[in-house]
PDB file of all heavy atoms in Angstrom:
ATOM      1  N   GLU A   1      82.486 -66.076-161.391  1.00  0.00           N
ATOM      2  CA  GLU A   1      82.938 -66.075-160.010  1.00  0.00           C
ATOM      3  C   GLU A   1      84.374 -66.636-159.913  1.00  0.00           C
ATOM      4  O   GLU A   1      84.704 -67.598-160.586  1.00  0.00           O
ATOM      5  CB  GLU A   1      81.984 -66.900-159.118  1.00  0.00           C
ATOM      6  CG  GLU A   1      80.636 -66.246-159.015  1.00  0.00           C
ATOM      7  CD  GLU A   1      79.660 -66.993-158.143  1.00  0.00           C
ATOM      8  OE1 GLU A   1      79.755 -68.232-158.051  1.00  0.00           O
ATOM      9  OE2 GLU A   1      78.813 -66.333-157.562  1.00  0.00           O
ATOM     10  N   ASP A   2      85.171 -65.995-159.096  1.00  0.00           N
ATOM     11  CA  ASP A   2      86.575 -66.394-158.885  1.00  0.00           C
ATOM     12  C   ASP A   2      86.670 -67.027-157.484  1.00  0.00           C
ATOM     13  O   ASP A   2      86.631 -66.338-156.480  1.00  0.00           O
ATOM     14  CB  ASP A   2      87.468 -65.182-158.985  1.00  0.00           C
ATOM     15  CG  ASP A   2      88.931 -65.517-158.810  1.00  0.00           C
ATOM     16  OD1 ASP A   2      89.274 -66.694-158.599  1.00  0.00           O
ATOM     17  OD2 ASP A   2      89.754 -64.568-158.898  1.00  0.00           O
ATOM     18  N   TYR A   3      86.803 -68.346-157.438  1.00  0.00           N
ATOM     19  CA  TYR A   3      86.797 -69.080-156.167  1.00  0.00           C
ATOM     20  C   TYR A   3      88.188 -69.274-155.597  1.00  0.00           C
ATOM     21  O   TYR A   3      88.355 -70.034-154.636  1.00  0.00           O
ATOM     22  CB  TYR A   3      86.129 -70.437-156.372  1.00  0.00           C
ATOM     23  CG  TYR A   3      84.689 -70.365-156.761  1.00  0.00           C
ATOM     24  CD1 TYR A   3      84.295 -70.662-158.061  1.00  0.00           C
ATOM     25  CD2 TYR A   3      83.726 -70.015-155.841  1.00  0.00           C
ATOM     26  CE1 TYR A   3      82.965 -70.603-158.421  1.00  0.00           C
ATOM     27  CE2 TYR A   3      82.385 -69.943-156.195  1.00  0.00           C
ATOM     28  CZ  TYR A   3      82.021 -70.243-157.502  1.00  0.00           C
ATOM     29  OH  TYR A   3      80.706 -70.174-157.848  1.00  0.00           O
ATOM     30  N   GLY A   4      89.222 -68.624-156.143  1.00  0.00           N
ATOM     31  CA  GLY A   4      90.599 -68.830-155.702  1.00  0.00           C
ATOM     32  C   GLY A   4      90.786 -68.732-154.195  1.00  0.00           C
ATOM     33  O   GLY A   4      91.454 -69.599-153.599  1.00  0.00           O
ATOM     34  N   ASP A   5      90.232 -67.719-153.554  1.00  0.00           N
ATOM     35  CA  ASP A   5      90.398 -67.558-152.120  1.00  0.00           C
ATOM     36  C   ASP A   5      89.777 -68.722-151.338  1.00  0.00           C
ATOM     37  O   ASP A   5      90.292 -69.114-150.289  1.00  0.00           O
ATOM     38  CB  ASP A   5      89.728 -66.261-151.614  1.00  0.00           C
ATOM     39  CG  ASP A   5      90.478 -65.031-152.042  1.00  0.00           C
ATOM     40  OD1 ASP A   5      91.628 -65.134-152.520  1.00  0.00           O
ATOM     41  OD2 ASP A   5      89.911 -63.914-151.947  1.00  0.00           O
ATOM     42  N   TYR A   6      88.693 -69.275-151.823  1.00  0.00           N
ATOM     43  CA  TYR A   6      88.002 -70.334-151.117  1.00  0.00           C
ATOM     44  C   TYR A   6      88.647 -71.697-151.355  1.00  0.00           C
ATOM     45  O   TYR A   6      88.481 -72.601-150.534  1.00  0.00           O
ATOM     46  CB  TYR A   6      86.519 -70.363-151.508  1.00  0.00           C
ATOM     47  CG  TYR A   6      85.859 -69.117-151.022  1.00  0.00           C
ATOM     48  CD1 TYR A   6      85.743 -68.001-151.848  1.00  0.00           C
ATOM     49  CD2 TYR A   6      85.419 -68.986-149.714  1.00  0.00           C
ATOM     50  CE1 TYR A   6      85.185 -66.823-151.407  1.00  0.00           C
ATOM     51  CE2 TYR A   6      84.861 -67.826-149.243  1.00  0.00           C
ATOM     52  CZ  TYR A   6      84.756 -66.740-150.083  1.00  0.00           C
ATOM     53  OH  TYR A   6      84.223 -65.565-149.630  1.00  0.00           O
ATOM     54  N   ILE A   7      89.393 -71.828-152.431  1.00  0.00           N
ATOM     55  CA  ILE A   7      90.145 -73.049-152.650  1.00  0.00           C
ATOM     56  C   ILE A   7      91.371 -73.037-151.720  1.00  0.00           C
ATOM     57  O   ILE A   7      91.692 -74.037-151.081  1.00  0.00           O
ATOM     58  CB  ILE A   7      90.588 -73.163-154.130  1.00  0.00           C
ATOM     59  CG1 ILE A   7      89.369 -73.395-155.008  1.00  0.00           C
ATOM     60  CG2 ILE A   7      91.598 -74.284-154.319  1.00  0.00           C
ATOM     61  CD1 ILE A   7      89.626 -73.289-156.487  1.00  0.00           C
ATOM     62  N   ASP A   8      92.027 -71.885-151.626  1.00  0.00           N
ATOM     63  CA  ASP A   8      93.219 -71.754-150.780  1.00  0.00           C
ATOM     64  C   ASP A   8      92.912 -71.862-149.292  1.00  0.00           C
ATOM     65  O   ASP A   8      93.640 -72.408-148.518  1.00  0.00           O
ATOM     66  CB  ASP A   8      93.939 -70.431-151.068  1.00  0.00           C
ATOM     67  CG  ASP A   8      94.476 -70.352-152.476  1.00  0.00           C
ATOM     68  OD1 ASP A   8      94.668 -71.425-153.104  1.00  0.00           O
ATOM     69  OD2 ASP A   8      94.704 -69.227-152.962  1.00  0.00           O
ATOM     70  N   GLN A   9      91.789 -71.252-148.886  1.00  0.00           N
ATOM     71  CA  GLN A   9      91.405 -71.180-147.473  1.00  0.00           C
ATOM     72  C   GLN A   9      89.896 -71.275-147.343  1.00  0.00           C
ATOM     73  O   GLN A   9      89.191 -70.256-147.353  1.00  0.00           O
ATOM     74  CB  GLN A   9      91.897 -69.852-146.896  1.00  0.00           C
ATOM     75  CG  GLN A   9      92.588 -69.992-145.609  1.00  0.00           C
ATOM     76  CD  GLN A   9      93.210 -68.671-145.175  1.00  0.00           C
ATOM     77  OE1 GLN A   9      92.933 -67.604-145.700  1.00  0.00           O
ATOM     78  NE2 GLN A   9      94.051 -68.756-144.206  1.00  0.00           N
ATOM     79  N   PRO A  10      89.351 -72.491-147.237  1.00  0.00           N
ATOM     80  CA  PRO A  10      87.892 -72.642-147.169  1.00  0.00           C
ATOM     81  C   PRO A  10      87.268 -71.894-145.995  1.00  0.00           C
ATOM     82  O   PRO A  10      87.901 -71.731-144.944  1.00  0.00           O
ATOM     83  CB  PRO A  10      87.687 -74.145-146.985  1.00  0.00           C
ATOM     84  CG  PRO A  10      88.965 -74.782-147.426  1.00  0.00           C
ATOM     85  CD  PRO A  10      90.043 -73.776-147.161  1.00  0.00           C
ATOM     86  N   ALA A  11      86.063 -71.439-146.210  1.00  0.00           N
ATOM     87  CA  ALA A  11      85.290 -70.789-145.151  1.00  0.00           C
ATOM     88  C   ALA A  11      84.487 -71.856-144.420  1.00  0.00           C
ATOM     89  O   ALA A  11      84.349 -72.986-144.886  1.00  0.00           O
ATOM     90  CB  ALA A  11      84.359 -69.737-145.760  1.00  0.00           C
ATOM     91  N   TYR A  12      83.973 -71.475-143.238  1.00  0.00           N
ATOM     92  CA  TYR A  12      83.155 -72.378-142.429  1.00  0.00           C
ATOM     93  C   TYR A  12      81.897 -71.650-142.007  1.00  0.00           C
ATOM     94  O   TYR A  12      81.901 -70.432-141.804  1.00  0.00           O
ATOM     95  CB  TYR A  12      83.937 -72.856-141.201  1.00  0.00           C
ATOM     96  CG  TYR A  12      85.039 -73.804-141.546  1.00  0.00           C
ATOM     97  CD1 TYR A  12      86.271 -73.350-141.993  1.00  0.00           C
ATOM     98  CD2 TYR A  12      84.845 -75.175-141.475  1.00  0.00           C
ATOM     99  CE1 TYR A  12      87.281 -74.213-142.357  1.00  0.00           C
ATOM    100  CE2 TYR A  12      85.840 -76.055-141.820  1.00  0.00           C
ATOM    101  CZ  TYR A  12      87.064 -75.577-142.266  1.00  0.00           C
ATOM    102  OH  TYR A  12      88.034 -76.445-142.635  1.00  0.00           O
ATOM    103  N   THR A  13      80.817 -72.410-141.804  1.00  0.00           N
ATOM    104  CA  THR A  13      79.584 -71.851-141.280  1.00  0.00           C
ATOM    105  C   THR A  13      79.786 -71.561-139.791  1.00  0.00           C
ATOM    106  O   THR A  13      80.730 -72.074-139.181  1.00  0.00           O
ATOM    107  CB  THR A  13      78.404 -72.797-141.478  1.00  0.00           C
ATOM    108  OG1 THR A  13      78.607 -73.941-140.622  1.00  0.00           O
ATOM    109  CG2 THR A  13      78.259 -73.249-142.924  1.00  0.00           C
ATOM    110  N   PRO A  14      78.887 -70.787-139.183  1.00  0.00           N
ATOM    111  CA  PRO A  14      78.991 -70.574-137.723  1.00  0.00           C
ATOM    112  C   PRO A  14      78.953 -71.883-136.939  1.00  0.00           C
ATOM    113  O   PRO A  14      79.481 -71.969-135.852  1.00  0.00           O
ATOM    114  CB  PRO A  14      77.775 -69.700-137.402  1.00  0.00           C
ATOM    115  CG  PRO A  14      77.534 -68.946-138.679  1.00  0.00           C
ATOM    116  CD  PRO A  14      77.857 -69.933-139.789  1.00  0.00           C
ATOM    117  N   ALA A  15      78.352 -72.942-137.520  1.00  0.00           N
ATOM    118  CA  ALA A  15      78.275 -74.231-136.845  1.00  0.00           C
ATOM    119  C   ALA A  15      79.549 -75.070-137.096  1.00  0.00           C
ATOM    120  O   ALA A  15      79.636 -76.212-136.619  1.00  0.00           O
ATOM    121  CB  ALA A  15      77.060 -74.997-137.325  1.00  0.00           C
ATOM    122  N   GLY A  16      80.515 -74.510-137.832  1.00  0.00           N
ATOM    123  CA  GLY A  16      81.767 -75.219-138.046  1.00  0.00           C
ATOM    124  C   GLY A  16      81.789 -76.134-139.252  1.00  0.00           C
ATOM    125  O   GLY A  16      82.708 -76.932-139.419  1.00  0.00           O
ATOM    126  N   ARG A  17      80.787 -76.055-140.107  1.00  0.00           N
ATOM    127  CA  ARG A  17      80.741 -76.898-141.313  1.00  0.00           C
ATOM    128  C   ARG A  17      81.498 -76.232-142.460  1.00  0.00           C
ATOM    129  O   ARG A  17      81.345 -75.041-142.699  1.00  0.00           O
ATOM    130  CB  ARG A  17      79.299 -77.137-141.718  1.00  0.00           C
ATOM    131  CG  ARG A  17      78.521 -77.838-140.609  1.00  0.00           C
ATOM    132  CD  ARG A  17      77.165 -78.303-141.094  1.00  0.00           C
ATOM    133  NE  ARG A  17      76.353 -78.822-140.010  1.00  0.00           N
ATOM    134  CZ  ARG A  17      76.542 -79.989-139.426  1.00  0.00           C
ATOM    135  NH1 ARG A  17      77.522 -80.766-139.813  1.00  0.00           N
ATOM    136  NH2 ARG A  17      75.734 -80.400-138.440  1.00  0.00           N
ATOM    137  N   PRO A  18      82.319 -77.005-143.179  1.00  0.00           N
ATOM    138  CA  PRO A  18      83.101 -76.405-144.274  1.00  0.00           C
ATOM    139  C   PRO A  18      82.217 -76.040-145.473  1.00  0.00           C
ATOM    140  O   PRO A  18      81.264 -76.755-145.812  1.00  0.00           O
ATOM    141  CB  PRO A  18      84.085 -77.491-144.658  1.00  0.00           C
ATOM    142  CG  PRO A  18      83.483 -78.766-144.183  1.00  0.00           C
ATOM    143  CD  PRO A  18      82.623 -78.426-143.015  1.00  0.00           C
ATOM    144  N   ILE A  19      82.551 -74.919-146.084  1.00  0.00           N
ATOM    145  CA  ILE A  19      81.893 -74.483-147.314  1.00  0.00           C
ATOM    146  C   ILE A  19      82.880 -74.786-148.432  1.00  0.00           C
ATOM    147  O   ILE A  19      84.011 -74.303-148.421  1.00  0.00           O
ATOM    148  CB  ILE A  19      81.563 -72.981-147.273  1.00  0.00           C
ATOM    149  CG1 ILE A  19      80.585 -72.718-146.102  1.00  0.00           C
ATOM    150  CG2 ILE A  19      80.994 -72.502-148.598  1.00  0.00           C
ATOM    151  CD1 ILE A  19      80.339 -71.258-145.809  1.00  0.00           C
ATOM    152  N   LEU A  20      82.453 -75.638-149.341  1.00  0.00           N
ATOM    153  CA  LEU A  20      83.352 -76.204-150.356  1.00  0.00           C
ATOM    154  C   LEU A  20      82.807 -75.971-151.754  1.00  0.00           C
ATOM    155  O   LEU A  20      81.618 -75.717-151.942  1.00  0.00           O
ATOM    156  CB  LEU A  20      83.551 -77.689-150.125  1.00  0.00           C
ATOM    157  CG  LEU A  20      84.015 -78.096-148.729  1.00  0.00           C
ATOM    158  CD1 LEU A  20      83.827 -79.571-148.490  1.00  0.00           C
ATOM    159  CD2 LEU A  20      85.455 -77.681-148.527  1.00  0.00           C
ATOM    160  N   LEU A  21      83.684 -76.147-152.732  1.00  0.00           N
ATOM    161  CA  LEU A  21      83.277 -76.129-154.134  1.00  0.00           C
ATOM    162  C   LEU A  21      82.726 -77.493-154.517  1.00  0.00           C
ATOM    163  O   LEU A  21      83.263 -78.520-154.109  1.00  0.00           O
ATOM    164  CB  LEU A  21      84.466 -75.812-155.039  1.00  0.00           C
ATOM    165  CG  LEU A  21      84.841 -74.346-155.164  1.00  0.00           C
ATOM    166  CD1 LEU A  21      86.156 -74.236-155.904  1.00  0.00           C
ATOM    167  CD2 LEU A  21      83.760 -73.586-155.875  1.00  0.00           C
ATOM    168  N   THR A  22      81.680 -77.505-155.313  1.00  0.00           N
ATOM    169  CA  THR A  22      81.075 -78.739-155.771  1.00  0.00           C
ATOM    170  C   THR A  22      82.085 -79.653-156.459  1.00  0.00           C
ATOM    171  O   THR A  22      82.022 -80.855-156.336  1.00  0.00           O
ATOM    172  CB  THR A  22      79.910 -78.432-156.733  1.00  0.00           C
ATOM    173  OG1 THR A  22      78.977 -77.608-156.035  1.00  0.00           O
ATOM    174  CG2 THR A  22      79.228 -79.663-157.224  1.00  0.00           C
ATOM    175  N   ILE A  23      83.028 -79.073-157.177  1.00  0.00           N
ATOM    176  CA  ILE A  23      83.969 -79.859-157.980  1.00  0.00           C
ATOM    177  C   ILE A  23      85.228 -80.260-157.230  1.00  0.00           C
ATOM    178  O   ILE A  23      86.139 -80.858-157.815  1.00  0.00           O
ATOM    179  CB  ILE A  23      84.371 -79.076-159.264  1.00  0.00           C
ATOM    180  CG1 ILE A  23      85.002 -77.738-158.900  1.00  0.00           C
ATOM    181  CG2 ILE A  23      83.157 -78.914-160.168  1.00  0.00           C
ATOM    182  CD1 ILE A  23      85.577 -76.992-160.062  1.00  0.00           C
ATOM    183  N   GLU A  24      85.316 -79.957-155.928  1.00  0.00           N
ATOM    184  CA  GLU A  24      86.485 -80.391-155.165  1.00  0.00           C
ATOM    185  C   GLU A  24      86.511 -81.923-155.062  1.00  0.00           C
ATOM    186  O   GLU A  24      85.462 -82.571-155.004  1.00  0.00           O
ATOM    187  CB  GLU A  24      86.471 -79.798-153.762  1.00  0.00           C
ATOM    188  CG  GLU A  24      86.772 -78.297-153.764  1.00  0.00           C
ATOM    189  CD  GLU A  24      87.000 -77.758-152.391  1.00  0.00           C
ATOM    190  OE1 GLU A  24      87.819 -78.327-151.653  1.00  0.00           O
ATOM    191  OE2 GLU A  24      86.347 -76.761-152.062  1.00  0.00           O
ATOM    192  N   ASP A  25      87.690 -82.477-155.006  1.00  0.00           N
ATOM    193  CA  ASP A  25      87.841 -83.925-154.848  1.00  0.00           C
ATOM    194  C   ASP A  25      87.147 -84.374-153.567  1.00  0.00           C
ATOM    195  O   ASP A  25      87.241 -83.695-152.533  1.00  0.00           O
ATOM    196  CB  ASP A  25      89.313 -84.341-154.780  1.00  0.00           C
ATOM    197  CG  ASP A  25      90.014 -84.154-156.109  1.00  0.00           C
ATOM    198  OD1 ASP A  25      89.341 -84.090-157.150  1.00  0.00           O
ATOM    199  OD2 ASP A  25      91.256 -84.085-156.097  1.00  0.00           O
ATOM    200  N   ALA A  26      86.463 -85.495-153.655  1.00  0.00           N
ATOM    201  CA  ALA A  26      85.796 -86.048-152.467  1.00  0.00           C
ATOM    202  C   ALA A  26      86.817 -86.403-151.392  1.00  0.00           C
ATOM    203  O   ALA A  26      87.930 -86.857-151.699  1.00  0.00           O
ATOM    204  CB  ALA A  26      84.973 -87.282-152.854  1.00  0.00           C
ATOM    205  N   CYS A  27      86.440 -86.216-150.171  1.00  0.00           N
ATOM    206  CA  CYS A  27      87.328 -86.527-149.047  1.00  0.00           C
ATOM    207  C   CYS A  27      87.220 -88.031-148.694  1.00  0.00           C
ATOM    208  O   CYS A  27      86.328 -88.717-149.191  1.00  0.00           O
ATOM    209  CB  CYS A  27      86.969 -85.676-147.836  1.00  0.00           C
ATOM    210  SG  CYS A  27      85.421 -86.139-147.026  1.00  0.00           S
ATOM    211  N   PRO A  28      88.081 -88.539-147.814  1.00  0.00           N
ATOM    212  CA  PRO A  28      88.028 -89.941-147.412  1.00  0.00           C
ATOM    213  C   PRO A  28      86.720 -90.300-146.690  1.00  0.00           C
ATOM    214  O   PRO A  28      86.383 -91.475-146.578  1.00  0.00           O
ATOM    215  CB  PRO A  28      89.217 -90.109-146.482  1.00  0.00           C
ATOM    216  CG  PRO A  28      90.134 -88.974-146.776  1.00  0.00           C
ATOM    217  CD  PRO A  28      89.265 -87.856-147.267  1.00  0.00           C
ATOM    218  N   HIS A  29      85.986 -89.308-146.194  1.00  0.00           N
ATOM    219  CA  HIS A  29      84.740 -89.553-145.457  1.00  0.00           C
ATOM    220  C   HIS A  29      83.497 -89.515-146.345  1.00  0.00           C
ATOM    221  O   HIS A  29      82.383 -89.584-145.871  1.00  0.00           O
ATOM    222  CB  HIS A  29      84.586 -88.541-144.340  1.00  0.00           C
ATOM    223  CG  HIS A  29      85.785 -88.415-143.470  1.00  0.00           C
ATOM    224  ND1 HIS A  29      86.223 -89.431-142.653  1.00  0.00           N
ATOM    225  CD2 HIS A  29      86.657 -87.396-143.319  1.00  0.00           C
ATOM    226  CE1 HIS A  29      87.321 -89.031-142.026  1.00  0.00           C
ATOM    227  NE2 HIS A  29      87.609 -87.800-142.404  1.00  0.00           N
ATOM    228  N   ALA A  30      83.676 -89.330-147.642  1.00  0.00           N
ATOM    229  CA  ALA A  30      82.558 -89.170-148.572  1.00  0.00           C
ATOM    230  C   ALA A  30      81.695 -90.410-148.607  1.00  0.00           C
ATOM    231  O   ALA A  30      82.174 -91.535-148.482  1.00  0.00           O
ATOM    232  CB  ALA A  30      83.080 -88.869-149.966  1.00  0.00           C
ATOM    233  N   ASP A  31      80.402 -90.194-148.762  1.00  0.00           N
ATOM    234  CA  ASP A  31      79.417 -91.262-148.933  1.00  0.00           C
ATOM    235  C   ASP A  31      78.719 -91.001-150.260  1.00  0.00           C
ATOM    236  O   ASP A  31      77.861 -90.128-150.341  1.00  0.00           O
ATOM    237  CB  ASP A  31      78.419 -91.244-147.770  1.00  0.00           C
ATOM    238  CG  ASP A  31      77.380 -92.347-147.873  1.00  0.00           C
ATOM    239  OD1 ASP A  31      77.315 -93.054-148.915  1.00  0.00           O
ATOM    240  OD2 ASP A  31      76.597 -92.482-146.928  1.00  0.00           O
ATOM    241  N   MET A  32      79.077 -91.751-151.274  1.00  0.00           N
ATOM    242  CA  MET A  32      78.559 -91.525-152.611  1.00  0.00           C
ATOM    243  C   MET A  32      77.197 -92.164-152.847  1.00  0.00           C
ATOM    244  O   MET A  32      76.591 -91.934-153.874  1.00  0.00           O
ATOM    245  CB  MET A  32      79.566 -92.019-153.659  1.00  0.00           C
ATOM    246  CG  MET A  32      80.872 -91.286-153.599  1.00  0.00           C
ATOM    247  SD  MET A  32      80.641 -89.522-153.756  1.00  0.00           S
ATOM    248  CE  MET A  32      82.325 -88.957-153.625  1.00  0.00           C
ATOM    249  N   GLY A  33      76.714 -92.951-151.904  1.00  0.00           N
ATOM    250  CA  GLY A  33      75.382 -93.538-152.038  1.00  0.00           C
ATOM    251  C   GLY A  33      75.214 -94.294-153.335  1.00  0.00           C
ATOM    252  O   GLY A  33      75.922 -95.241-153.614  1.00  0.00           O
ATOM    253  N   ASP A  34      74.270 -93.864-154.174  1.00  0.00           N
ATOM    254  CA  ASP A  34      73.974 -94.508-155.443  1.00  0.00           C
ATOM    255  C   ASP A  34      74.893 -94.063-156.571  1.00  0.00           C
ATOM    256  O   ASP A  34      74.708 -94.446-157.710  1.00  0.00           O
ATOM    257  CB  ASP A  34      72.521 -94.249-155.848  1.00  0.00           C
ATOM    258  CG  ASP A  34      71.531 -94.901-154.901  1.00  0.00           C
ATOM    259  OD1 ASP A  34      71.911 -95.883-154.241  1.00  0.00           O
ATOM    260  OD2 ASP A  34      70.377 -94.420-154.827  1.00  0.00           O
ATOM    261  N   SER A  35      75.885 -93.234-156.272  1.00  0.00           N
ATOM    262  CA  SER A  35      76.809 -92.738-157.303  1.00  0.00           C
ATOM    263  C   SER A  35      78.223 -93.251-157.008  1.00  0.00           C
ATOM    264  O   SER A  35      79.108 -92.489-156.670  1.00  0.00           O
ATOM    265  CB  SER A  35      76.840 -91.201-157.306  1.00  0.00           C
ATOM    266  OG  SER A  35      75.571 -90.691-157.557  1.00  0.00           O
ATOM    267  N   PRO A  36      78.442 -94.555-157.150  1.00  0.00           N
ATOM    268  CA  PRO A  36      79.750 -95.115-156.787  1.00  0.00           C
ATOM    269  C   PRO A  36      80.879 -94.566-157.646  1.00  0.00           C
ATOM    270  O   PRO A  36      82.027 -94.609-157.241  1.00  0.00           O
ATOM    271  CB  PRO A  36      79.582 -96.624-157.017  1.00  0.00           C
ATOM    272  CG  PRO A  36      78.441 -96.741-157.956  1.00  0.00           C
ATOM    273  CD  PRO A  36      77.547 -95.566-157.704  1.00  0.00           C
TER     274      PRO A  36
END
């Protein structure tokens, strides 16, 4: 799979939630829970 388009311009669900790659850097709002 070639994720280039989704890295450059992420898609969103109809509810407005971002669709992201698992390996993208965590955002400032991330909650890592038991994985500090």
